[in-house]
PDB file of N, CA and C in Angstrom:
ATOM      1  N   MET A   1       0.779  -1.352  -0.239  1.00  0.00           N
ATOM      2  CA  MET A   1      -0.035  -0.136   0.123  1.00  0.00           C
ATOM      3  C   MET A   1       0.722   1.108   0.167  1.00  0.00           C
ATOM      4  N   ARG A   2       1.954   1.294   0.783  1.00  0.00           N
ATOM      5  CA  ARG A   2       2.903   2.277   0.941  1.00  0.00           C
ATOM      6  C   ARG A   2       3.335   2.765  -0.414  1.00  0.00           C
ATOM      7  N   HIS A   3       3.883   1.546  -1.106  1.00  0.00           N
ATOM      8  CA  HIS A   3       4.457   1.426  -2.550  1.00  0.00           C
ATOM      9  C   HIS A   3       3.804   2.461  -3.359  1.00  0.00           C
ATOM     10  N   LEU A   4       1.987   1.973  -3.360  1.00  0.00           N
ATOM     11  CA  LEU A   4       1.182   2.404  -4.461  1.00  0.00           C
ATOM     12  C   LEU A   4       1.009   4.111  -4.036  1.00  0.00           C
ATOM     13  N   SER A   5       0.805   4.261  -2.668  1.00  0.00           N
ATOM     14  CA  SER A   5       0.736   5.936  -2.557  1.00  0.00           C
ATOM     15  C   SER A   5       1.965   6.718  -2.751  1.00  0.00           C
ATOM     16  N   ILE A   6       3.137   6.000  -2.971  1.00  0.00           N
ATOM     17  CA  ILE A   6       4.246   6.668  -3.537  1.00  0.00           C
ATOM     18  C   ILE A   6       4.337   6.715  -5.044  1.00  0.00           C
ATOM     19  N   CYS A   7       3.743   5.719  -5.511  1.00  0.00           N
ATOM     20  CA  CYS A   7       3.515   5.867  -7.063  1.00  0.00           C
ATOM     21  C   CYS A   7       2.751   6.652  -7.674  1.00  0.00           C
ATOM     22  N   LEU A   8       1.425   7.130  -6.903  1.00  0.00           N
ATOM     23  CA  LEU A   8       0.501   8.186  -7.122  1.00  0.00           C
ATOM     24  C   LEU A   8       0.901   9.097  -6.980  1.00  0.00           C
ATOM     25  N   VAL A   9       1.742   9.499  -5.988  1.00  0.00           N
ATOM     26  CA  VAL A   9       2.256  11.089  -5.585  1.00  0.00           C
ATOM     27  C   VAL A   9       2.931  11.240  -6.990  1.00  0.00           C
ATOM     28  N   LEU A  10       4.361  10.261  -7.416  1.00  0.00           N
ATOM     29  CA  LEU A  10       5.071  10.542  -8.503  1.00  0.00           C
ATOM     30  C   LEU A  10       4.212  10.652  -9.525  1.00  0.00           C
ATOM     31  N   LEU A  11       3.289  10.041  -9.831  1.00  0.00           N
ATOM     32  CA  LEU A  11       2.942  10.047 -11.096  1.00  0.00           C
ATOM     33  C   LEU A  11       1.673  11.514 -11.024  1.00  0.00           C
ATOM     34  N   CYS A  12       1.194  11.989 -10.073  1.00  0.00           N
ATOM     35  CA  CYS A  12       0.344  13.188 -10.269  1.00  0.00           C
ATOM     36  C   CYS A  12       1.465  14.133 -10.338  1.00  0.00           C
ATOM     37  N   THR A  13       2.868  14.377  -9.707  1.00  0.00           N
ATOM     38  CA  THR A  13       3.683  15.393 -10.151  1.00  0.00           C
ATOM     39  C   THR A  13       4.045  15.375 -11.247  1.00  0.00           C
ATOM     40  N   LEU A  14       4.192  14.371 -11.896  1.00  0.00           N
ATOM     41  CA  LEU A  14       4.947  14.513 -13.303  1.00  0.00           C
ATOM     42  C   LEU A  14       3.405  14.803 -14.326  1.00  0.00           C
ATOM     43  N   ALA A  15       2.579  14.428 -14.030  1.00  0.00           N
ATOM     44  CA  ALA A  15       1.771  14.957 -14.646  1.00  0.00           C
ATOM     45  C   ALA A  15       1.288  16.279 -14.443  1.00  0.00           C
ATOM     46  N   LEU A  16       1.217  17.089 -13.170  1.00  0.00           N
ATOM     47  CA  LEU A  16       0.934  18.338 -13.357  1.00  0.00           C
ATOM     48  C   LEU A  16       2.402  18.946 -13.923  1.00  0.00           C
ATOM     49  N   GLY A  17       3.388  18.482 -14.013  1.00  0.00           N
ATOM     50  CA  GLY A  17       4.734  19.045 -14.410  1.00  0.00           C
ATOM     51  C   GLY A  17       4.448  19.317 -15.956  1.00  0.00           C
ATOM     52  N   ALA A  18       3.665  18.474 -16.642  1.00  0.00           N
ATOM     53  CA  ALA A  18       3.414  18.120 -17.947  1.00  0.00           C
ATOM     54  C   ALA A  18       2.738  19.109 -18.470  1.00  0.00           C
ATOM     55  N   CYS A  19       1.798  19.683 -17.555  1.00  0.00           N
ATOM     56  CA  CYS A  19       0.253  20.186 -17.864  1.00  0.00           C
ATOM     57  C   CYS A  19       1.004  21.789 -18.588  1.00  0.00           C
ATOM     58  N   GLY A  20       2.079  22.320 -18.219  1.00  0.00           N
ATOM     59  CA  GLY A  20       2.346  23.478 -18.830  1.00  0.00           C
ATOM     60  C   GLY A  20       3.796  23.783 -18.498  1.00  0.00           C
ATOM     61  N   GLY A  21       4.566  24.515 -19.215  1.00  0.00           N
ATOM     62  CA  GLY A  21       5.519  24.963 -19.213  1.00  0.00           C
ATOM     63  C   GLY A  21       5.473  26.267 -17.856  1.00  0.00           C
ATOM     64  N   ALA A  22       6.563  26.321 -17.539  1.00  0.00           N
ATOM     65  CA  ALA A  22       7.107  27.506 -16.555  1.00  0.00           C
ATOM     66  C   ALA A  22       7.352  28.680 -17.078  1.00  0.00           C
ATOM     67  N   GLY A  23       7.101  29.805 -16.568  1.00  0.00           N
ATOM     68  CA  GLY A  23       7.454  31.290 -17.465  1.00  0.00           C
ATOM     69  C   GLY A  23       8.605  31.387 -17.537  1.00  0.00           C
ATOM     70  N   PRO A  24       9.322  32.704 -18.086  1.00  0.00           N
ATOM     71  CA  PRO A  24      10.446  32.488 -18.627  1.00  0.00           C
ATOM     72  C   PRO A  24      11.672  32.719 -17.271  1.00  0.00           C
ATOM     73  N   THR A  25      12.489  32.232 -17.650  1.00  0.00           N
ATOM     74  CA  THR A  25      13.711  32.350 -16.627  1.00  0.00           C
ATOM     75  C   THR A  25      14.047  33.699 -16.376  1.00  0.00           C
ATOM     76  N   LYS A  26      15.276  34.072 -15.612  1.00  0.00           N
ATOM     77  CA  LYS A  26      15.793  35.701 -15.682  1.00  0.00           C
ATOM     78  C   LYS A  26      16.309  35.563 -16.947  1.00  0.00           C
ATOM     79  N   LYS A  27      17.056  34.585 -17.116  1.00  0.00           N
ATOM     80  CA  LYS A  27      17.994  34.958 -18.611  1.00  0.00           C
ATOM     81  C   LYS A  27      17.048  35.035 -19.785  1.00  0.00           C
ATOM     82  N   GLU A  28      15.880  34.432 -19.954  1.00  0.00           N
ATOM     83  CA  GLU A  28      15.023  34.455 -20.847  1.00  0.00           C
ATOM     84  C   GLU A  28      14.254  35.914 -21.139  1.00  0.00           C
ATOM     85  N   ALA A  29      14.141  36.295 -19.688  1.00  0.00           N
ATOM     86  CA  ALA A  29      13.341  37.374 -19.758  1.00  0.00           C
ATOM     87  C   ALA A  29      14.114  38.671 -20.211  1.00  0.00           C
ATOM     88  N   ALA A  30      15.585  38.543 -19.832  1.00  0.00           N
ATOM     89  CA  ALA A  30      16.292  39.595 -20.050  1.00  0.00           C
ATOM     90  C   ALA A  30      16.643  39.560 -21.358  1.00  0.00           C
ATOM     91  N   GLU A  31      17.105  38.703 -21.942  1.00  0.00           N
ATOM     92  CA  GLU A  31      16.791  38.570 -23.378  1.00  0.00           C
ATOM     93  C   GLU A  31      15.384  39.144 -24.140  1.00  0.00           C
ATOM     94  N   ALA A  32      14.546  38.986 -23.607  1.00  0.00           N
ATOM     95  CA  ALA A  32      13.040  39.394 -24.440  1.00  0.00           C
ATOM     96  C   ALA A  32      13.240  40.878 -24.175  1.00  0.00           C
ATOM     97  N   VAL A  33      13.127  41.276 -23.150  1.00  0.00           N
ATOM     98  CA  VAL A  33      13.244  42.844 -22.689  1.00  0.00           C
ATOM     99  C   VAL A  33      14.323  43.614 -23.528  1.00  0.00           C
ATOM    100  N   ASN A  34      15.670  42.926 -23.513  1.00  0.00           N
ATOM    101  CA  ASN A  34      16.873  43.396 -24.160  1.00  0.00           C
ATOM    102  C   ASN A  34      16.447  43.727 -25.877  1.00  0.00           C
ATOM    103  N   GLU A  35      15.447  42.412 -26.055  1.00  0.00           N
ATOM    104  CA  GLU A  35      14.913  42.510 -27.933  1.00  0.00           C
ATOM    105  C   GLU A  35      14.160  43.789 -28.008  1.00  0.00           C
ATOM    106  N   LEU A  36      13.297  43.847 -26.999  1.00  0.00           N
ATOM    107  CA  LEU A  36      12.429  44.899 -27.126  1.00  0.00           C
ATOM    108  C   LEU A  36      12.976  46.045 -26.853  1.00  0.00           C
ATOM    109  N   ALA A  37      13.908  46.547 -26.170  1.00  0.00           N
ATOM    110  CA  ALA A  37      14.494  47.491 -25.993  1.00  0.00           C
ATOM    111  C   ALA A  37      15.126  47.815 -27.618  1.00  0.00           C
ATOM    112  N   SER A  38      15.713  47.235 -27.950  1.00  0.00           N
ATOM    113  CA  SER A  38      16.560  47.141 -29.481  1.00  0.00           C
ATOM    114  C   SER A  38      15.473  47.525 -30.588  1.00  0.00           C
ATOM    115  N   GLU A  39      14.220  47.024 -30.748  1.00  0.00           N
ATOM    116  CA  GLU A  39      13.243  47.361 -31.251  1.00  0.00           C
ATOM    117  C   GLU A  39      12.673  48.772 -31.254  1.00  0.00           C
ATOM    118  N   VAL A  40      12.370  49.233 -29.950  1.00  0.00           N
ATOM    119  CA  VAL A  40      11.922  50.412 -29.732  1.00  0.00           C
ATOM    120  C   VAL A  40      13.201  51.906 -29.894  1.00  0.00           C
ATOM    121  N   ALA A  41      14.710  51.166 -29.802  1.00  0.00           N
ATOM    122  CA  ALA A  41      15.597  52.064 -30.336  1.00  0.00           C
ATOM    123  C   ALA A  41      15.570  52.392 -31.757  1.00  0.00           C
ATOM    124  N   LYS A  42      15.600  51.221 -32.579  1.00  0.00           N
ATOM    125  CA  LYS A  42      15.330  51.210 -34.020  1.00  0.00           C
ATOM    126  C   LYS A  42      14.284  52.376 -34.232  1.00  0.00           C
ATOM    127  N   ALA A  43      13.095  52.028 -33.845  1.00  0.00           N
ATOM    128  CA  ALA A  43      11.944  52.698 -34.239  1.00  0.00           C
ATOM    129  C   ALA A  43      12.321  54.235 -34.128  1.00  0.00           C
ATOM    130  N   PHE A  44      12.817  54.664 -33.328  1.00  0.00           N
ATOM    131  CA  PHE A  44      13.053  56.238 -32.534  1.00  0.00           C
ATOM    132  C   PHE A  44      14.416  56.544 -33.416  1.00  0.00           C
ATOM    133  N   SER A  45      14.961  55.660 -34.284  1.00  0.00           N
ATOM    134  CA  SER A  45      16.233  55.962 -34.743  1.00  0.00           C
ATOM    135  C   SER A  45      16.244  56.823 -35.990  1.00  0.00           C
ATOM    136  N   PHE A  46      16.987  58.075 -36.478  1.00  0.00           N
ATOM    137  CA  PHE A  46      16.953  58.426 -37.599  1.00  0.00           C
ATOM    138  C   PHE A  46      18.254  58.477 -38.366  1.00  0.00           C
ATOM    139  N   GLY A  47      18.200  57.954 -39.402  1.00  0.00           N
ATOM    140  CA  GLY A  47      19.252  58.414 -40.278  1.00  0.00           C
ATOM    141  C   GLY A  47      20.703  57.840 -39.928  1.00  0.00           C
ATOM    142  N   SER A  48      21.376  58.380 -39.506  1.00  0.00           N
ATOM    143  CA  SER A  48      22.750  58.318 -38.861  1.00  0.00           C
ATOM    144  C   SER A  48      22.758  58.528 -37.425  1.00  0.00           C
ATOM    145  N   ARG A  49      21.624  58.863 -36.879  1.00  0.00           N
ATOM    146  CA  ARG A  49      21.314  59.060 -35.478  1.00  0.00           C
ATOM    147  C   ARG A  49      20.498  58.229 -34.592  1.00  0.00           C
ATOM    148  N   SER A  50      21.453  57.013 -34.559  1.00  0.00           N
ATOM    149  CA  SER A  50      21.053  56.014 -33.694  1.00  0.00           C
ATOM    150  C   SER A  50      21.334  55.822 -32.224  1.00  0.00           C
ATOM    151  N   ILE A  51      20.131  55.124 -31.692  1.00  0.00           N
ATOM    152  CA  ILE A  51      19.930  55.088 -30.459  1.00  0.00           C
ATOM    153  C   ILE A  51      20.620  53.671 -29.876  1.00  0.00           C
ATOM    154  N   GLU A  52      21.780  53.399 -29.009  1.00  0.00           N
ATOM    155  CA  GLU A  52      22.223  52.515 -28.383  1.00  0.00           C
ATOM    156  C   GLU A  52      21.362  52.323 -26.946  1.00  0.00           C
ATOM    157  N   PRO A  53      20.496  50.877 -26.967  1.00  0.00           N
ATOM    158  CA  PRO A  53      19.917  50.816 -25.849  1.00  0.00           C
ATOM    159  C   PRO A  53      20.823  50.330 -24.735  1.00  0.00           C
ATOM    160  N   ALA A  54      20.612  50.505 -23.280  1.00  0.00           N
ATOM    161  CA  ALA A  54      21.701  50.149 -22.450  1.00  0.00           C
ATOM    162  C   ALA A  54      21.118  48.668 -22.310  1.00  0.00           C
ATOM    163  N   LYS A  55      22.452  47.975 -21.839  1.00  0.00           N
ATOM    164  CA  LYS A  55      21.960  46.661 -21.708  1.00  0.00           C
ATOM    165  C   LYS A  55      21.339  46.169 -20.711  1.00  0.00           C
ATOM    166  N   ILE A  56      20.005  45.420 -20.579  1.00  0.00           N
ATOM    167  CA  ILE A  56      19.434  45.069 -19.025  1.00  0.00           C
ATOM    168  C   ILE A  56      19.797  43.714 -18.668  1.00  0.00           C
ATOM    169  N   GLU A  57      19.850  43.774 -17.622  1.00  0.00           N
ATOM    170  CA  GLU A  57      19.944  42.573 -16.456  1.00  0.00           C
ATOM    171  C   GLU A  57      18.364  42.621 -15.802  1.00  0.00           C
ATOM    172  N   VAL A  58      17.780  40.987 -15.773  1.00  0.00           N
ATOM    173  CA  VAL A  58      16.885  41.116 -14.788  1.00  0.00           C
ATOM    174  C   VAL A  58      17.177  40.539 -13.268  1.00  0.00           C
ATOM    175  N   GLY A  59      17.404  41.522 -12.472  1.00  0.00           N
ATOM    176  CA  GLY A  59      17.480  40.988 -10.931  1.00  0.00           C
ATOM    177  C   GLY A  59      16.645  40.169 -10.571  1.00  0.00           C
ATOM    178  N   ASP A  60      15.149  40.347 -10.757  1.00  0.00           N
ATOM    179  CA  ASP A  60      14.208  39.367  -9.878  1.00  0.00           C
ATOM    180  C   ASP A  60      12.796  39.451 -10.808  1.00  0.00           C
ATOM    181  N   LEU A  61      12.194  38.349 -10.866  1.00  0.00           N
ATOM    182  CA  LEU A  61      10.807  38.600 -11.519  1.00  0.00           C
ATOM    183  C   LEU A  61       9.947  37.527 -10.635  1.00  0.00           C
ATOM    184  N   LYS A  62       8.589  38.035 -10.946  1.00  0.00           N
ATOM    185  CA  LYS A  62       7.527  37.121 -10.113  1.00  0.00           C
ATOM    186  C   LYS A  62       6.480  37.329 -11.157  1.00  0.00           C
ATOM    187  N   CYS A  63       5.723  36.163 -11.404  1.00  0.00           N
ATOM    188  CA  CYS A  63       4.939  35.943 -12.889  1.00  0.00           C
ATOM    189  C   CYS A  63       3.701  35.306 -12.402  1.00  0.00           C
ATOM    190  N   SER A  64       2.670  35.744 -12.869  1.00  0.00           N
ATOM    191  CA  SER A  64       1.464  34.799 -12.652  1.00  0.00           C
ATOM    192  C   SER A  64       1.084  34.402 -13.876  1.00  0.00           C
ATOM    193  N   VAL A  65       0.404  33.111 -14.141  1.00  0.00           N
ATOM    194  CA  VAL A  65      -0.417  32.853 -15.403  1.00  0.00           C
ATOM    195  C   VAL A  65      -1.155  33.941 -16.128  1.00  0.00           C
ATOM    196  N   ALA A  66      -0.974  34.315 -17.150  1.00  0.00           N
ATOM    197  CA  ALA A  66      -2.395  34.978 -17.933  1.00  0.00           C
ATOM    198  C   ALA A  66      -3.048  33.812 -18.889  1.00  0.00           C
ATOM    199  N   GLY A  67      -2.459  33.131 -19.223  1.00  0.00           N
ATOM    200  CA  GLY A  67      -2.854  32.001 -20.368  1.00  0.00           C
ATOM    201  C   GLY A  67      -1.912  31.147 -20.906  1.00  0.00           C
ATOM    202  N   GLN A  68      -2.056  30.045 -21.710  1.00  0.00           N
ATOM    203  CA  GLN A  68      -1.078  29.373 -22.100  1.00  0.00           C
ATOM    204  C   GLN A  68       0.157  29.992 -22.746  1.00  0.00           C
ATOM    205  N   ASP A  69       1.239  29.781 -22.355  1.00  0.00           N
ATOM    206  CA  ASP A  69       2.855  30.029 -22.652  1.00  0.00           C
ATOM    207  C   ASP A  69       2.652  31.681 -22.371  1.00  0.00           C
ATOM    208  N   ILE A  70       1.556  32.303 -21.693  1.00  0.00           N
ATOM    209  CA  ILE A  70       1.610  33.893 -21.321  1.00  0.00           C
ATOM    210  C   ILE A  70       1.769  33.737 -20.138  1.00  0.00           C
ATOM    211  N   TYR A  71       2.734  34.949 -19.787  1.00  0.00           N
ATOM    212  CA  TYR A  71       2.781  35.513 -17.884  1.00  0.00           C
ATOM    213  C   TYR A  71       2.868  36.724 -17.876  1.00  0.00           C
ATOM    214  N   ASP A  72       2.224  37.310 -16.768  1.00  0.00           N
ATOM    215  CA  ASP A  72       2.437  38.702 -16.591  1.00  0.00           C
ATOM    216  C   ASP A  72       3.272  38.767 -15.343  1.00  0.00           C
ATOM    217  N   CYS A  73       4.253  39.801 -15.594  1.00  0.00           N
ATOM    218  CA  CYS A  73       5.401  39.407 -14.569  1.00  0.00           C
ATOM    219  C   CYS A  73       5.765  40.989 -14.022  1.00  0.00           C
ATOM    220  N   ALA A  74       6.292  41.163 -13.095  1.00  0.00           N
ATOM    221  CA  ALA A  74       6.819  42.349 -12.210  1.00  0.00           C
ATOM    222  C   ALA A  74       8.114  41.774 -12.487  1.00  0.00           C
ATOM    223  N   VAL A  75       8.956  42.985 -13.119  1.00  0.00           N
ATOM    224  CA  VAL A  75      10.781  42.479 -13.110  1.00  0.00           C
ATOM    225  C   VAL A  75      11.181  43.733 -12.644  1.00  0.00           C
ATOM    226  N   LEU A  76      12.044  43.164 -12.026  1.00  0.00           N
ATOM    227  CA  LEU A  76      13.172  44.305 -11.308  1.00  0.00           C
ATOM    228  C   LEU A  76      14.462  43.878 -12.259  1.00  0.00           C
ATOM    229  N   LEU A  77      14.451  45.357 -13.253  1.00  0.00           N
ATOM    230  CA  LEU A  77      15.668  45.353 -14.107  1.00  0.00           C
ATOM    231  C   LEU A  77      16.892  46.321 -13.581  1.00  0.00           C
ATOM    232  N   LYS A  78      17.639  45.813 -13.882  1.00  0.00           N
ATOM    233  CA  LYS A  78      19.243  46.164 -13.568  1.00  0.00           C
ATOM    234  C   LYS A  78      20.087  46.535 -15.101  1.00  0.00           C
ATOM    235  N   ARG A  79      20.085  48.006 -15.183  1.00  0.00           N
ATOM    236  CA  ARG A  79      20.879  48.402 -16.412  1.00  0.00           C
ATOM    237  C   ARG A  79      22.517  48.558 -16.101  1.00  0.00           C
ATOM    238  N   ASP A  80      23.091  48.559 -17.340  1.00  0.00           N
ATOM    239  CA  ASP A  80      24.558  48.510 -17.333  1.00  0.00           C
ATOM    240  C   ASP A  80      25.006  49.604 -16.766  1.00  0.00           C
ATOM    241  N   ASP A  81      24.311  50.924 -16.510  1.00  0.00           N
ATOM    242  CA  ASP A  81      24.583  52.066 -16.192  1.00  0.00           C
ATOM    243  C   ASP A  81      24.247  52.362 -14.973  1.00  0.00           C
ATOM    244  N   GLY A  82      23.966  51.483 -13.931  1.00  0.00           N
ATOM    245  CA  GLY A  82      23.792  51.093 -12.449  1.00  0.00           C
ATOM    246  C   GLY A  82      22.410  51.560 -12.338  1.00  0.00           C
ATOM    247  N   ASN A  83      21.486  52.132 -13.044  1.00  0.00           N
ATOM    248  CA  ASN A  83      19.925  52.042 -12.631  1.00  0.00           C
ATOM    249  C   ASN A  83      19.466  50.901 -12.537  1.00  0.00           C
ATOM    250  N   GLU A  84      18.341  51.069 -11.500  1.00  0.00           N
ATOM    251  CA  GLU A  84      17.647  49.644 -11.193  1.00  0.00           C
ATOM    252  C   GLU A  84      16.617  50.654 -11.484  1.00  0.00           C
ATOM    253  N   GLY A  85      15.239  49.682 -11.882  1.00  0.00           N
ATOM    254  CA  GLY A  85      13.968  49.848 -11.561  1.00  0.00           C
ATOM    255  C   GLY A  85      12.582  48.515 -11.948  1.00  0.00           C
ATOM    256  N   GLN A  86      11.799  48.926 -11.613  1.00  0.00           N
ATOM    257  CA  GLN A  86      10.431  47.754 -11.628  1.00  0.00           C
ATOM    258  C   GLN A  86       9.588  48.315 -12.679  1.00  0.00           C
ATOM    259  N   ASP A  87       9.148  47.241 -13.543  1.00  0.00           N
ATOM    260  CA  ASP A  87       8.419  47.493 -14.531  1.00  0.00           C
ATOM    261  C   ASP A  87       7.590  46.071 -14.720  1.00  0.00           C
ATOM    262  N   ASN A  88       6.435  46.182 -15.385  1.00  0.00           N
ATOM    263  CA  ASN A  88       5.643  44.939 -15.830  1.00  0.00           C
ATOM    264  C   ASN A  88       5.853  44.787 -17.375  1.00  0.00           C
ATOM    265  N   TYR A  89       5.780  43.010 -17.539  1.00  0.00           N
ATOM    266  CA  TYR A  89       6.001  42.853 -18.851  1.00  0.00           C
ATOM    267  C   TYR A  89       4.764  41.802 -18.812  1.00  0.00           C
ATOM    268  N   ARG A  90       4.585  41.439 -20.166  1.00  0.00           N
ATOM    269  CA  ARG A  90       3.466  40.139 -20.536  1.00  0.00           C
ATOM    270  C   ARG A  90       4.643  39.674 -21.455  1.00  0.00           C
ATOM    271  N   PHE A  91       4.824  38.235 -21.110  1.00  0.00           N
ATOM    272  CA  PHE A  91       6.056  37.514 -21.760  1.00  0.00           C
ATOM    273  C   PHE A  91       4.937  36.277 -22.363  1.00  0.00           C
ATOM    274  N   THR A  92       5.313  35.921 -23.746  1.00  0.00           N
ATOM    275  CA  THR A  92       4.744  35.159 -24.309  1.00  0.00           C
ATOM    276  C   THR A  92       5.591  34.306 -25.357  1.00  0.00           C
ATOM    277  N   LYS A  93       5.120  33.243 -25.244  1.00  0.00           N
ATOM    278  CA  LYS A  93       6.342  32.055 -26.133  1.00  0.00           C
ATOM    279  C   LYS A  93       5.464  31.684 -27.310  1.00  0.00           C
ATOM    280  N   LEU A  94       6.556  32.306 -28.333  1.00  0.00           N
ATOM    281  CA  LEU A  94       6.222  31.950 -29.544  1.00  0.00           C
ATOM    282  C   LEU A  94       7.489  31.284 -30.318  1.00  0.00           C
ATOM    283  N   GLY A  95       6.946  30.210 -31.054  1.00  0.00           N
ATOM    284  CA  GLY A  95       8.121  29.613 -31.676  1.00  0.00           C
ATOM    285  C   GLY A  95       9.158  29.301 -30.834  1.00  0.00           C
ATOM    286  N   GLY A  96       9.031  28.640 -29.471  1.00  0.00           N
ATOM    287  CA  GLY A  96      10.034  28.472 -28.815  1.00  0.00           C
ATOM    288  C   GLY A  96      10.752  29.224 -27.918  1.00  0.00           C
ATOM    289  N   LYS A  97      10.551  30.886 -28.443  1.00  0.00           N
ATOM    290  CA  LYS A  97      11.204  32.098 -27.838  1.00  0.00           C
ATOM    291  C   LYS A  97      10.208  33.016 -27.118  1.00  0.00           C
ATOM    292  N   TRP A  98      10.814  33.462 -26.118  1.00  0.00           N
ATOM    293  CA  TRP A  98      10.024  34.867 -25.443  1.00  0.00           C
ATOM    294  C   TRP A  98      10.110  35.688 -25.832  1.00  0.00           C
ATOM    295  N   ARG A  99       8.889  36.538 -26.317  1.00  0.00           N
ATOM    296  CA  ARG A  99       8.418  37.781 -26.002  1.00  0.00           C
ATOM    297  C   ARG A  99       8.217  38.863 -25.325  1.00  0.00           C
ATOM    298  N   ALA A 100       8.412  40.023 -25.243  1.00  0.00           N
ATOM    299  CA  ALA A 100       8.528  40.628 -23.848  1.00  0.00           C
ATOM    300  C   ALA A 100       7.234  41.871 -24.829  1.00  0.00           C
ATOM    301  N   GLU A 101       6.070  42.074 -23.987  1.00  0.00           N
ATOM    302  CA  GLU A 101       5.664  43.268 -24.166  1.00  0.00           C
ATOM    303  C   GLU A 101       5.294  44.400 -22.673  1.00  0.00           C
ATOM    304  N   ARG A 102       5.848  45.760 -22.977  1.00  0.00           N
ATOM    305  CA  ARG A 102       5.288  46.222 -21.449  1.00  0.00           C
ATOM    306  C   ARG A 102       3.700  46.451 -21.386  1.00  0.00           C
ATOM    307  N   ILE A 103       3.247  46.331 -20.137  1.00  0.00           N
ATOM    308  CA  ILE A 103       1.868  46.091 -19.540  1.00  0.00           C
ATOM    309  C   ILE A 103       1.705  47.528 -18.852  1.00  0.00           C
TER     310      ILE A 103
END
Protein backbone atom coordinates (compact mmCIF):
# COMPACT_ATOMS: atom_id res chain seq x y z
CA MET A 1 0.00 0.00 0.00
CA ARG A 2 2.84 2.38 0.80
CA HIS A 3 4.44 1.76 -2.60
CA LEU A 4 1.11 2.50 -4.27
CA SER A 5 0.87 5.83 -2.43
CA ILE A 6 4.40 6.80 -3.47
CA CYS A 7 3.69 5.84 -7.07
CA LEU A 8 0.48 7.91 -7.10
CA VAL A 9 2.28 10.96 -5.70
CA LEU A 10 5.04 10.64 -8.32
CA LEU A 11 2.50 10.14 -11.11
CA CYS A 12 0.52 13.23 -10.04
CA THR A 13 3.71 15.28 -9.85
CA LEU A 14 4.73 14.22 -13.36
CA ALA A 15 1.25 14.91 -14.71
CA LEU A 16 1.18 18.41 -13.23
CA GLY A 17 4.63 19.12 -14.60
CA ALA A 18 3.49 18.16 -18.09
CA CYS A 19 0.40 20.41 -17.96
CA GLY A 20 2.27 23.48 -19.03
CA GLY A 21 5.64 25.05 -19.09
CA ALA A 22 6.96 27.45 -16.54
CA GLY A 23 7.34 31.15 -17.15
CA PRO A 24 10.54 32.65 -18.48
CA THR A 25 13.78 32.33 -16.54
CA LYS A 26 15.70 35.48 -15.58
CA LYS A 27 18.00 34.93 -18.56
CA GLU A 28 15.09 34.40 -20.99
CA ALA A 29 13.28 37.45 -19.61
CA ALA A 30 16.43 39.58 -19.99
CA GLU A 31 16.85 38.43 -23.61
CA ALA A 32 13.21 39.28 -24.39
CA VAL A 33 13.39 42.71 -22.69
CA ASN A 34 16.67 43.55 -24.45
CA GLU A 35 15.15 42.57 -27.80
CA LEU A 36 12.16 44.83 -27.09
CA ALA A 37 14.52 47.70 -26.14
CA SER A 38 16.43 47.22 -29.41
CA GLU A 39 13.21 47.31 -31.43
CA VAL A 40 12.12 50.53 -29.70
CA ALA A 41 15.57 52.09 -30.24
CA LYS A 42 15.39 51.25 -33.96
CA ALA A 43 11.95 52.82 -34.20
CA PHE A 44 13.25 56.10 -32.75
CA SER A 45 16.50 56.21 -34.74
CA PHE A 46 16.77 58.64 -37.64
CA GLY A 47 19.36 58.18 -40.37
CA SER A 48 22.81 58.20 -38.85
CA ARG A 49 21.43 59.19 -35.43
CA SER A 50 20.95 55.79 -33.89
CA ILE A 51 20.06 55.14 -30.29
CA GLU A 52 21.99 52.44 -28.46
CA PRO A 53 19.84 50.95 -25.69
CA ALA A 54 21.43 50.13 -22.35
CA LYS A 55 22.06 46.44 -21.71
CA ILE A 56 19.48 45.18 -19.23
CA GLU A 57 19.77 42.38 -16.68
CA VAL A 58 16.86 40.94 -14.75
CA GLY A 59 17.51 40.99 -11.02
CA ASP A 60 14.24 39.28 -10.08
CA LEU A 61 10.86 38.51 -11.55
CA LYS A 62 7.52 37.41 -10.13
CA CYS A 63 5.06 36.00 -12.64
CA SER A 64 1.44 34.93 -12.76
CA VAL A 65 -0.18 32.85 -15.49
CA ALA A 66 -2.25 34.93 -17.92
CA GLY A 67 -2.92 32.18 -20.48
CA GLN A 68 -1.27 29.29 -22.26
CA ASP A 69 2.43 30.20 -22.53
CA ILE A 70 1.55 33.77 -21.45
CA TYR A 71 2.80 35.26 -18.17
CA ASP A 72 2.38 38.69 -16.60
CA CYS A 73 5.50 39.51 -14.61
CA ALA A 74 6.78 42.21 -12.29
CA VAL A 75 10.43 42.55 -13.29
CA LEU A 76 13.33 44.15 -11.40
CA LEU A 77 15.55 45.62 -14.13
CA LYS A 78 19.24 46.39 -13.72
CA ARG A 79 20.80 48.50 -16.45
CA ASP A 80 24.50 48.47 -17.25
CA ASP A 81 24.73 52.15 -16.23
CA GLY A 82 23.88 51.18 -12.63
CA ASN A 83 20.22 52.26 -12.63
CA GLU A 84 17.52 49.90 -11.35
CA GLY A 85 13.80 49.94 -11.74
CA GLN A 86 10.72 47.77 -11.69
CA ASP A 87 8.34 47.38 -14.59
CA ASN A 88 5.54 45.05 -15.65
CA TYR A 89 5.83 42.92 -18.76
CA ARG A 90 3.74 40.29 -20.49
CA PHE A 91 5.88 37.42 -21.74
CA THR A 92 4.51 35.22 -24.52
CA LYS A 93 6.28 32.15 -25.83
CA LEU A 94 6.11 32.03 -29.62
CA GLY A 95 8.09 29.57 -31.72
CA GLY A 96 10.05 28.44 -28.67
CA LYS A 97 11.21 32.00 -27.91
CA TRP A 98 9.95 34.42 -25.27
CA ARG A 99 8.65 37.82 -26.45
CA ALA A 100 8.12 40.76 -24.09
CA GLU A 101 5.69 43.66 -24.14
CA ARG A 102 5.17 46.32 -21.49
CA ILE A 103 1.84 46.26 -19.73
